[in-house]
Amino acid sequence: MTANSDSSLQSSGDAANSNSPKTAGSAKQSCDFHFVEIELVGEDGKGVAGVEYLLELPDGTEISGSTNSLGLIRIDGIDSGNCQITLPKLDKEAWEVLKE
């Protein structure tokens, strides 16, 4: 429906009774939020539960917690950018990044 026909329907009061098709505005919005997911896996290939972490998000916010029962950390709804993970209770020499 064009702006002109929409205006005339509203001004005549016939909008509710009109049989002409109506189109809604676009419901799409740009979504610039992302997520980060980290899996901590032991030498046996299984997830390591209960490991404390400190995650610094791209905006500088720090989130702390521990890995879930599957060894996973997932944070949703963050801005695009780089995050920094720290595992304060693990020896730095005891772990390595397998994928980036």
PDB file of N, CA and C in Angstrom:
ATOM      1  N   MET A   1       0.854  -1.161   0.000  1.00  0.00           N
ATOM      2  CA  MET A   1       0.000   0.000   0.000  1.00  0.00           C
ATOM      3  C   MET A   1       0.900   1.224   0.000  1.00  0.00           C
ATOM      4  N   THR A   2       0.567   2.182  -0.792  1.00  0.00           N
ATOM      5  CA  THR A   2       1.380   3.393  -0.854  1.00  0.00           C
ATOM      6  C   THR A   2       0.994   4.339   0.258  1.00  0.00           C
ATOM      7  N   ALA A   3       1.845   5.311   0.501  1.00  0.00           N
ATOM      8  CA  ALA A   3       1.576   6.301   1.545  1.00  0.00           C
ATOM      9  C   ALA A   3       0.315   7.085   1.226  1.00  0.00           C
ATOM     10  N   ASN A   4       0.071   7.381  -0.060  1.00  0.00           N
ATOM     11  CA  ASN A   4      -1.107   8.161  -0.431  1.00  0.00           C
ATOM     12  C   ASN A   4      -2.395   7.409  -0.147  1.00  0.00           C
ATOM     13  N   SER A   5      -2.484   6.145  -0.547  1.00  0.00           N
ATOM     14  CA  SER A   5      -3.725   5.409  -0.308  1.00  0.00           C
ATOM     15  C   SER A   5      -3.916   5.163   1.181  1.00  0.00           C
ATOM     16  N   ASP A   6      -2.839   4.956   1.926  1.00  0.00           N
ATOM     17  CA  ASP A   6      -2.930   4.764   3.364  1.00  0.00           C
ATOM     18  C   ASP A   6      -3.469   6.027   4.022  1.00  0.00           C
ATOM     19  N   SER A   7      -2.984   7.183   3.601  1.00  0.00           N
ATOM     20  CA  SER A   7      -3.450   8.448   4.169  1.00  0.00           C
ATOM     21  C   SER A   7      -4.925   8.662   3.889  1.00  0.00           C
ATOM     22  N   SER A   8      -5.380   8.347   2.689  1.00  0.00           N
ATOM     23  CA  SER A   8      -6.785   8.572   2.370  1.00  0.00           C
ATOM     24  C   SER A   8      -7.680   7.612   3.141  1.00  0.00           C
ATOM     25  N   LEU A   9      -7.246   6.384   3.386  1.00  0.00           N
ATOM     26  CA  LEU A   9      -8.039   5.457   4.186  1.00  0.00           C
ATOM     27  C   LEU A   9      -8.182   5.963   5.614  1.00  0.00           C
ATOM     28  N   GLN A  10      -7.094   6.432   6.169  1.00  0.00           N
ATOM     29  CA  GLN A  10      -7.143   6.922   7.538  1.00  0.00           C
ATOM     30  C   GLN A  10      -8.025   8.160   7.644  1.00  0.00           C
ATOM     31  N   SER A  11      -7.899   9.052   6.686  1.00  0.00           N
ATOM     32  CA  SER A  11      -8.664  10.296   6.780  1.00  0.00           C
ATOM     33  C   SER A  11     -10.151  10.078   6.519  1.00  0.00           C
ATOM     34  N   SER A  12     -10.509   9.046   5.744  1.00  0.00           N
ATOM     35  CA  SER A  12     -11.928   8.813   5.484  1.00  0.00           C
ATOM     36  C   SER A  12     -12.581   7.962   6.560  1.00  0.00           C
ATOM     37  N   GLY A  13     -11.780   7.348   7.421  1.00  0.00           N
ATOM     38  CA  GLY A  13     -12.327   6.510   8.475  1.00  0.00           C
ATOM     39  C   GLY A  13     -12.700   5.123   7.998  1.00  0.00           C
ATOM     40  N   ASP A  14     -12.340   4.749   6.760  1.00  0.00           N
ATOM     41  CA  ASP A  14     -12.697   3.452   6.212  1.00  0.00           C
ATOM     42  C   ASP A  14     -11.595   2.410   6.382  1.00  0.00           C
ATOM     43  N   ALA A  15     -10.563   2.708   7.114  1.00  0.00           N
ATOM     44  CA  ALA A  15      -9.424   1.787   7.223  1.00  0.00           C
ATOM     45  C   ALA A  15      -9.846   0.436   7.777  1.00  0.00           C
ATOM     46  N   ALA A  16     -10.724   0.409   8.764  1.00  0.00           N
ATOM     47  CA  ALA A  16     -11.120  -0.857   9.377  1.00  0.00           C
ATOM     48  C   ALA A  16     -12.009  -1.679   8.453  1.00  0.00           C
ATOM     49  N   ASN A  17     -12.742  -1.025   7.544  1.00  0.00           N
ATOM     50  CA  ASN A  17     -13.674  -1.728   6.678  1.00  0.00           C
ATOM     51  C   ASN A  17     -13.121  -1.988   5.288  1.00  0.00           C
ATOM     52  N   SER A  18     -11.937  -1.540   5.008  1.00  0.00           N
ATOM     53  CA  SER A  18     -11.376  -1.665   3.669  1.00  0.00           C
ATOM     54  C   SER A  18     -10.987  -3.111   3.387  1.00  0.00           C
ATOM     55  N   ASN A  19     -11.237  -3.567   2.158  1.00  0.00           N
ATOM     56  CA  ASN A  19     -10.826  -4.897   1.732  1.00  0.00           C
ATOM     57  C   ASN A  19      -9.486  -4.874   1.027  1.00  0.00           C
ATOM     58  N   SER A  20      -8.901  -3.699   0.863  1.00  0.00           N
ATOM     59  CA  SER A  20      -7.619  -3.623   0.172  1.00  0.00           C
ATOM     60  C   SER A  20      -6.519  -4.170   1.080  1.00  0.00           C
ATOM     61  N   PRO A  21      -5.526  -4.838   0.482  1.00  0.00           N
ATOM     62  CA  PRO A  21      -4.450  -5.431   1.287  1.00  0.00           C
ATOM     63  C   PRO A  21      -3.618  -4.358   1.977  1.00  0.00           C
ATOM     64  N   LYS A  22      -3.153  -4.698   3.152  1.00  0.00           N
ATOM     65  CA  LYS A  22      -2.308  -3.783   3.917  1.00  0.00           C
ATOM     66  C   LYS A  22      -0.968  -4.469   4.144  1.00  0.00           C
ATOM     67  N   THR A  23       0.075  -3.713   4.074  1.00  0.00           N
ATOM     68  CA  THR A  23       1.396  -4.277   4.335  1.00  0.00           C
ATOM     69  C   THR A  23       1.961  -3.660   5.595  1.00  0.00           C
ATOM     70  N   ALA A  24       2.598  -4.479   6.369  1.00  0.00           N
ATOM     71  CA  ALA A  24       3.243  -3.992   7.595  1.00  0.00           C
ATOM     72  C   ALA A  24       4.652  -3.546   7.264  1.00  0.00           C
ATOM     73  N   GLY A  25       5.175  -2.664   8.073  1.00  0.00           N
ATOM     74  CA  GLY A  25       6.566  -2.250   7.906  1.00  0.00           C
ATOM     75  C   GLY A  25       7.490  -3.422   8.196  1.00  0.00           C
ATOM     76  N   SER A  26       8.691  -3.305   7.781  1.00  0.00           N
ATOM     77  CA  SER A  26       9.667  -4.366   7.975  1.00  0.00           C
ATOM     78  C   SER A  26       9.930  -4.592   9.462  1.00  0.00           C
ATOM     79  N   ALA A  27       9.934  -5.844   9.865  1.00  0.00           N
ATOM     80  CA  ALA A  27      10.216  -6.194  11.260  1.00  0.00           C
ATOM     81  C   ALA A  27      11.684  -6.554  11.445  1.00  0.00           C
ATOM     82  N   LYS A  28      12.437  -6.529  10.379  1.00  0.00           N
ATOM     83  CA  LYS A  28      13.853  -6.878  10.472  1.00  0.00           C
ATOM     84  C   LYS A  28      14.634  -5.741  11.102  1.00  0.00           C
ATOM     85  N   GLN A  29      15.558  -6.123  11.972  1.00  0.00           N
ATOM     86  CA  GLN A  29      16.460  -5.158  12.571  1.00  0.00           C
ATOM     87  C   GLN A  29      17.862  -5.726  12.502  1.00  0.00           C
ATOM     88  N   SER A  30      18.812  -4.845  12.371  1.00  0.00           N
ATOM     89  CA  SER A  30      20.200  -5.274  12.372  1.00  0.00           C
ATOM     90  C   SER A  30      20.556  -5.769  13.767  1.00  0.00           C
ATOM     91  N   CYS A  31      21.209  -6.904  13.840  1.00  0.00           N
ATOM     92  CA  CYS A  31      21.603  -7.478  15.126  1.00  0.00           C
ATOM     93  C   CYS A  31      23.117  -7.626  15.127  1.00  0.00           C
ATOM     94  N   ASP A  32      23.765  -6.794  15.904  1.00  0.00           N
ATOM     95  CA  ASP A  32      25.214  -6.811  15.930  1.00  0.00           C
ATOM     96  C   ASP A  32      25.762  -7.549  17.144  1.00  0.00           C
ATOM     97  N   PHE A  33      24.930  -8.356  17.798  1.00  0.00           N
ATOM     98  CA  PHE A  33      25.393  -9.107  18.953  1.00  0.00           C
ATOM     99  C   PHE A  33      25.875 -10.485  18.532  1.00  0.00           C
ATOM    100  N   HIS A  34      26.847 -10.972  19.254  1.00  0.00           N
ATOM    101  CA  HIS A  34      27.477 -12.247  18.938  1.00  0.00           C
ATOM    102  C   HIS A  34      27.581 -13.078  20.206  1.00  0.00           C
ATOM    103  N   PHE A  35      28.286 -14.198  20.117  1.00  0.00           N
ATOM    104  CA  PHE A  35      28.517 -15.024  21.295  1.00  0.00           C
ATOM    105  C   PHE A  35      29.951 -15.524  21.266  1.00  0.00           C
ATOM    106  N   VAL A  36      30.407 -15.966  22.417  1.00  0.00           N
ATOM    107  CA  VAL A  36      31.695 -16.637  22.504  1.00  0.00           C
ATOM    108  C   VAL A  36      31.439 -17.967  23.202  1.00  0.00           C
ATOM    109  N   GLU A  37      32.029 -19.019  22.656  1.00  0.00           N
ATOM    110  CA  GLU A  37      31.898 -20.344  23.255  1.00  0.00           C
ATOM    111  C   GLU A  37      33.280 -20.968  23.348  1.00  0.00           C
ATOM    112  N   ILE A  38      33.585 -21.480  24.521  1.00  0.00           N
ATOM    113  CA  ILE A  38      34.893 -22.085  24.779  1.00  0.00           C
ATOM    114  C   ILE A  38      34.644 -23.463  25.367  1.00  0.00           C
ATOM    115  N   GLU A  39      35.384 -24.451  24.884  1.00  0.00           N
ATOM    116  CA  GLU A  39      35.296 -25.799  25.425  1.00  0.00           C
ATOM    117  C   GLU A  39      36.649 -26.169  26.003  1.00  0.00           C
ATOM    118  N   LEU A  40      36.664 -26.518  27.274  1.00  0.00           N
ATOM    119  CA  LEU A  40      37.886 -26.941  27.942  1.00  0.00           C
ATOM    120  C   LEU A  40      37.890 -28.465  27.962  1.00  0.00           C
ATOM    121  N   VAL A  41      38.872 -29.057  27.274  1.00  0.00           N
ATOM    122  CA  VAL A  41      38.928 -30.505  27.094  1.00  0.00           C
ATOM    123  C   VAL A  41      40.211 -31.041  27.710  1.00  0.00           C
ATOM    124  N   GLY A  42      40.081 -32.145  28.435  1.00  0.00           N
ATOM    125  CA  GLY A  42      41.242 -32.797  29.033  1.00  0.00           C
ATOM    126  C   GLY A  42      41.973 -33.663  28.022  1.00  0.00           C
ATOM    127  N   GLU A  43      43.087 -34.239  28.454  1.00  0.00           N
ATOM    128  CA  GLU A  43      43.882 -35.101  27.572  1.00  0.00           C
ATOM    129  C   GLU A  43      43.099 -36.319  27.102  1.00  0.00           C
ATOM    130  N   ASP A  44      42.080 -36.710  27.861  1.00  0.00           N
ATOM    131  CA  ASP A  44      41.253 -37.860  27.487  1.00  0.00           C
ATOM    132  C   ASP A  44      40.171 -37.499  26.464  1.00  0.00           C
ATOM    133  N   GLY A  45      40.125 -36.213  26.060  1.00  0.00           N
ATOM    134  CA  GLY A  45      39.153 -35.764  25.071  1.00  0.00           C
ATOM    135  C   GLY A  45      37.797 -35.403  25.643  1.00  0.00           C
ATOM    136  N   LYS A  46      37.638 -35.512  26.958  1.00  0.00           N
ATOM    137  CA  LYS A  46      36.366 -35.180  27.601  1.00  0.00           C
ATOM    138  C   LYS A  46      36.406 -33.775  28.179  1.00  0.00           C
ATOM    139  N   GLY A  47      35.242 -33.122  28.226  1.00  0.00           N
ATOM    140  CA  GLY A  47      35.136 -31.786  28.795  1.00  0.00           C
ATOM    141  C   GLY A  47      35.488 -31.785  30.274  1.00  0.00           C
ATOM    142  N   VAL A  48      36.148 -30.716  30.709  1.00  0.00           N
ATOM    143  CA  VAL A  48      36.557 -30.589  32.107  1.00  0.00           C
ATOM    144  C   VAL A  48      35.599 -29.621  32.803  1.00  0.00           C
ATOM    145  N   ALA A  49      34.850 -30.137  33.757  1.00  0.00           N
ATOM    146  CA  ALA A  49      33.846 -29.342  34.469  1.00  0.00           C
ATOM    147  C   ALA A  49      34.456 -28.602  35.649  1.00  0.00           C
ATOM    148  N   GLY A  50      33.837 -27.469  35.997  1.00  0.00           N
ATOM    149  CA  GLY A  50      34.173 -26.759  37.226  1.00  0.00           C
ATOM    150  C   GLY A  50      35.451 -25.949  37.214  1.00  0.00           C
ATOM    151  N   VAL A  51      36.012 -25.672  36.052  1.00  0.00           N
ATOM    152  CA  VAL A  51      37.241 -24.874  35.973  1.00  0.00           C
ATOM    153  C   VAL A  51      36.860 -23.396  35.965  1.00  0.00           C
ATOM    154  N   GLU A  52      37.414 -22.643  36.895  1.00  0.00           N
ATOM    155  CA  GLU A  52      37.113 -21.212  36.987  1.00  0.00           C
ATOM    156  C   GLU A  52      37.733 -20.458  35.812  1.00  0.00           C
ATOM    157  N   TYR A  53      37.011 -19.432  35.359  1.00  0.00           N
ATOM    158  CA  TYR A  53      37.507 -18.589  34.273  1.00  0.00           C
ATOM    159  C   TYR A  53      37.192 -17.133  34.556  1.00  0.00           C
ATOM    160  N   LEU A  54      37.936 -16.278  33.882  1.00  0.00           N
ATOM    161  CA  LEU A  54      37.664 -14.843  33.845  1.00  0.00           C
ATOM    162  C   LEU A  54      37.719 -14.465  32.376  1.00  0.00           C
ATOM    163  N   LEU A  55      36.621 -13.938  31.860  1.00  0.00           N
ATOM    164  CA  LEU A  55      36.523 -13.587  30.449  1.00  0.00           C
ATOM    165  C   LEU A  55      36.347 -12.088  30.333  1.00  0.00           C
ATOM    166  N   GLU A  56      37.279 -11.441  29.616  1.00  0.00           N
ATOM    167  CA  GLU A  56      37.155 -10.006  29.349  1.00  0.00           C
ATOM    168  C   GLU A  56      36.540  -9.839  27.971  1.00  0.00           C
ATOM    169  N   LEU A  57      35.391  -9.177  27.920  1.00  0.00           N
ATOM    170  CA  LEU A  57      34.658  -8.964  26.674  1.00  0.00           C
ATOM    171  C   LEU A  57      35.242  -7.791  25.896  1.00  0.00           C
ATOM    172  N   PRO A  58      34.874  -7.654  24.611  1.00  0.00           N
ATOM    173  CA  PRO A  58      35.410  -6.566  23.790  1.00  0.00           C
ATOM    174  C   PRO A  58      35.205  -5.171  24.380  1.00  0.00           C
ATOM    175  N   ASP A  59      34.133  -4.978  25.160  1.00  0.00           N
ATOM    176  CA  ASP A  59      33.875  -3.658  25.745  1.00  0.00           C
ATOM    177  C   ASP A  59      34.568  -3.462  27.092  1.00  0.00           C
ATOM    178  N   GLY A  60      35.380  -4.451  27.513  1.00  0.00           N
ATOM    179  CA  GLY A  60      36.114  -4.345  28.773  1.00  0.00           C
ATOM    180  C   GLY A  60      35.408  -4.964  29.965  1.00  0.00           C
ATOM    181  N   THR A  61      34.155  -5.356  29.799  1.00  0.00           N
ATOM    182  CA  THR A  61      33.415  -6.010  30.877  1.00  0.00           C
ATOM    183  C   THR A  61      34.066  -7.349  31.198  1.00  0.00           C
ATOM    184  N   GLU A  62      34.173  -7.663  32.491  1.00  0.00           N
ATOM    185  CA  GLU A  62      34.727  -8.949  32.904  1.00  0.00           C
ATOM    186  C   GLU A  62      33.614  -9.836  33.447  1.00  0.00           C
ATOM    187  N   ILE A  63      33.612 -11.077  32.990  1.00  0.00           N
ATOM    188  CA  ILE A  63      32.645 -12.067  33.449  1.00  0.00           C
ATOM    189  C   ILE A  63      33.428 -13.235  34.023  1.00  0.00           C
ATOM    190  N   SER A  64      33.048 -13.671  35.212  1.00  0.00           N
ATOM    191  CA  SER A  64      33.721 -14.822  35.808  1.00  0.00           C
ATOM    192  C   SER A  64      32.704 -15.930  36.028  1.00  0.00           C
ATOM    193  N   GLY A  65      33.206 -17.131  36.107  1.00  0.00           N
ATOM    194  CA  GLY A  65      32.347 -18.284  36.330  1.00  0.00           C
ATOM    195  C   GLY A  65      33.186 -19.537  36.278  1.00  0.00           C
ATOM    196  N   SER A  66      32.533 -20.647  36.011  1.00  0.00           N
ATOM    197  CA  SER A  66      33.259 -21.903  35.843  1.00  0.00           C
ATOM    198  C   SER A  66      32.600 -22.710  34.733  1.00  0.00           C
ATOM    199  N   THR A  67      33.372 -23.602  34.142  1.00  0.00           N
ATOM    200  CA  THR A  67      32.865 -24.413  33.042  1.00  0.00           C
ATOM    201  C   THR A  67      31.711 -25.285  33.530  1.00  0.00           C
ATOM    202  N   ASN A  68      30.780 -25.571  32.624  1.00  0.00           N
ATOM    203  CA  ASN A  68      29.632 -26.402  32.999  1.00  0.00           C
ATOM    204  C   ASN A  68      30.036 -27.877  33.034  1.00  0.00           C
ATOM    205  N   SER A  69      29.076 -28.757  33.190  1.00  0.00           N
ATOM    206  CA  SER A  69      29.361 -30.188  33.322  1.00  0.00           C
ATOM    207  C   SER A  69      30.003 -30.793  32.077  1.00  0.00           C
ATOM    208  N   LEU A  70      29.875 -30.114  30.945  1.00  0.00           N
ATOM    209  CA  LEU A  70      30.484 -30.585  29.696  1.00  0.00           C
ATOM    210  C   LEU A  70      31.804 -29.882  29.388  1.00  0.00           C
ATOM    211  N   GLY A  71      32.248 -29.007  30.290  1.00  0.00           N
ATOM    212  CA  GLY A  71      33.479 -28.255  30.069  1.00  0.00           C
ATOM    213  C   GLY A  71      33.285 -27.037  29.191  1.00  0.00           C
ATOM    214  N   LEU A  72      32.051 -26.568  29.057  1.00  0.00           N
ATOM    215  CA  LEU A  72      31.748 -25.449  28.160  1.00  0.00           C
ATOM    216  C   LEU A  72      31.543 -24.138  28.906  1.00  0.00           C
ATOM    217  N   ILE A  73      31.903 -23.068  28.205  1.00  0.00           N
ATOM    218  CA  ILE A  73      31.599 -21.698  28.607  1.00  0.00           C
ATOM    219  C   ILE A  73      30.914 -21.084  27.391  1.00  0.00           C
ATOM    220  N   ARG A  74      29.762 -20.455  27.572  1.00  0.00           N
ATOM    221  CA  ARG A  74      29.104 -19.752  26.466  1.00  0.00           C
ATOM    222  C   ARG A  74      28.500 -18.470  27.012  1.00  0.00           C
ATOM    223  N   ILE A  75      28.852 -17.370  26.356  1.00  0.00           N
ATOM    224  CA  ILE A  75      28.322 -16.061  26.704  1.00  0.00           C
ATOM    225  C   ILE A  75      27.645 -15.509  25.450  1.00  0.00           C
ATOM    226  N   ASP A  76      26.360 -15.205  25.533  1.00  0.00           N
ATOM    227  CA  ASP A  76      25.584 -14.685  24.402  1.00  0.00           C
ATOM    228  C   ASP A  76      25.394 -13.182  24.519  1.00  0.00           C
ATOM    229  N   GLY A  77      25.082 -12.552  23.388  1.00  0.00           N
ATOM    230  CA  GLY A  77      24.693 -11.145  23.371  1.00  0.00           C
ATOM    231  C   GLY A  77      25.828 -10.171  23.590  1.00  0.00           C
ATOM    232  N   ILE A  78      27.011 -10.502  23.075  1.00  0.00           N
ATOM    233  CA  ILE A  78      28.151  -9.599  23.253  1.00  0.00           C
ATOM    234  C   ILE A  78      28.450  -8.861  21.958  1.00  0.00           C
ATOM    235  N   ASP A  79      29.178  -7.764  22.079  1.00  0.00           N
ATOM    236  CA  ASP A  79      29.604  -7.002  20.911  1.00  0.00           C
ATOM    237  C   ASP A  79      30.677  -7.770  20.150  1.00  0.00           C
ATOM    238  N   SER A  80      30.781  -7.484  18.871  1.00  0.00           N
ATOM    239  CA  SER A  80      31.823  -8.072  18.045  1.00  0.00           C
ATOM    240  C   SER A  80      33.191  -7.582  18.514  1.00  0.00           C
ATOM    241  N   GLY A  81      34.173  -8.454  18.468  1.00  0.00           N
ATOM    242  CA  GLY A  81      35.531  -8.080  18.853  1.00  0.00           C
ATOM    243  C   GLY A  81      36.243  -9.237  19.514  1.00  0.00           C
ATOM    244  N   ASN A  82      37.424  -8.954  20.030  1.00  0.00           N
ATOM    245  CA  ASN A  82      38.241  -9.979  20.668  1.00  0.00           C
ATOM    246  C   ASN A  82      37.956 -10.069  22.158  1.00  0.00           C
ATOM    247  N   CYS A  83      37.982 -11.289  22.673  1.00  0.00           N
ATOM    248  CA  CYS A  83      37.829 -11.549  24.101  1.00  0.00           C
ATOM    249  C   CYS A  83      39.143 -12.115  24.624  1.00  0.00           C
ATOM    250  N   GLN A  84      39.366 -11.939  25.907  1.00  0.00           N
ATOM    251  CA  GLN A  84      40.557 -12.484  26.562  1.00  0.00           C
ATOM    252  C   GLN A  84      40.091 -13.444  27.649  1.00  0.00           C
ATOM    253  N   ILE A  85      40.560 -14.702  27.588  1.00  0.00           N
ATOM    254  CA  ILE A  85      40.191 -15.702  28.592  1.00  0.00           C
ATOM    255  C   ILE A  85      41.372 -15.942  29.523  1.00  0.00           C
ATOM    256  N   THR A  86      41.072 -16.025  30.812  1.00  0.00           N
ATOM    257  CA  THR A  86      42.079 -16.366  31.811  1.00  0.00           C
ATOM    258  C   THR A  86      41.524 -17.521  32.629  1.00  0.00           C
ATOM    259  N   LEU A  87      42.362 -18.521  32.851  1.00  0.00           N
ATOM    260  CA  LEU A  87      42.002 -19.659  33.693  1.00  0.00           C
ATOM    261  C   LEU A  87      42.912 -19.593  34.914  1.00  0.00           C
ATOM    262  N   PRO A  88      42.528 -18.818  35.926  1.00  0.00           N
ATOM    263  CA  PRO A  88      43.432 -18.479  37.020  1.00  0.00           C
ATOM    264  C   PRO A  88      43.920 -19.656  37.857  1.00  0.00           C
ATOM    265  N   LYS A  89      43.176 -20.743  37.916  1.00  0.00           N
ATOM    266  CA  LYS A  89      43.578 -21.877  38.752  1.00  0.00           C
ATOM    267  C   LYS A  89      44.353 -22.942  37.979  1.00  0.00           C
ATOM    268  N   LEU A  90      44.534 -22.738  36.679  1.00  0.00           N
ATOM    269  CA  LEU A  90      45.304 -23.699  35.883  1.00  0.00           C
ATOM    270  C   LEU A  90      46.680 -23.132  35.587  1.00  0.00           C
ATOM    271  N   ASP A  91      47.661 -23.990  35.634  1.00  0.00           N
ATOM    272  CA  ASP A  91      49.024 -23.623  35.273  1.00  0.00           C
ATOM    273  C   ASP A  91      49.033 -23.214  33.799  1.00  0.00           C
ATOM    274  N   LYS A  92      49.628 -22.070  33.493  1.00  0.00           N
ATOM    275  CA  LYS A  92      49.664 -21.578  32.106  1.00  0.00           C
ATOM    276  C   LYS A  92      50.325 -22.574  31.164  1.00  0.00           C
ATOM    277  N   GLU A  93      51.236 -23.360  31.684  1.00  0.00           N
ATOM    278  CA  GLU A  93      51.929 -24.352  30.856  1.00  0.00           C
ATOM    279  C   GLU A  93      51.089 -25.621  30.668  1.00  0.00           C
ATOM    280  N   ALA A  94      50.002 -25.745  31.413  1.00  0.00           N
ATOM    281  CA  ALA A  94      49.213 -26.972  31.392  1.00  0.00           C
ATOM    282  C   ALA A  94      48.132 -26.984  30.314  1.00  0.00           C
ATOM    283  N   TRP A  95      47.937 -25.875  29.607  1.00  0.00           N
ATOM    284  CA  TRP A  95      46.891 -25.853  28.601  1.00  0.00           C
ATOM    285  C   TRP A  95      47.317 -25.051  27.390  1.00  0.00           C
ATOM    286  N   GLU A  96      46.631 -25.294  26.272  1.00  0.00           N
ATOM    287  CA  GLU A  96      46.916 -24.588  25.024  1.00  0.00           C
ATOM    288  C   GLU A  96      45.625 -24.399  24.230  1.00  0.00           C
ATOM    289  N   VAL A  97      45.635 -23.418  23.364  1.00  0.00           N
ATOM    290  CA  VAL A  97      44.496 -23.153  22.486  1.00  0.00           C
ATOM    291  C   VAL A  97      44.598 -24.086  21.287  1.00  0.00           C
ATOM    292  N   LEU A  98      43.538 -24.851  21.019  1.00  0.00           N
ATOM    293  CA  LEU A  98      43.536 -25.768  19.882  1.00  0.00           C
ATOM    294  C   LEU A  98      42.959 -25.133  18.629  1.00  0.00           C
ATOM    295  N   LYS A  99      41.953 -24.261  18.769  1.00  0.00           N
ATOM    296  CA  LYS A  99      41.323 -23.577  17.629  1.00  0.00           C
ATOM    297  C   LYS A  99      41.105 -22.132  17.999  1.00  0.00           C
ATOM    298  N   GLU A 100      41.147 -21.285  16.992  1.00  0.00           N
ATOM    299  CA  GLU A 100      40.792 -19.872  17.204  1.00  0.00           C
ATOM    300  C   GLU A 100      39.636 -19.527  16.327  1.00  0.00           C
TER     301      GLU A 100
END
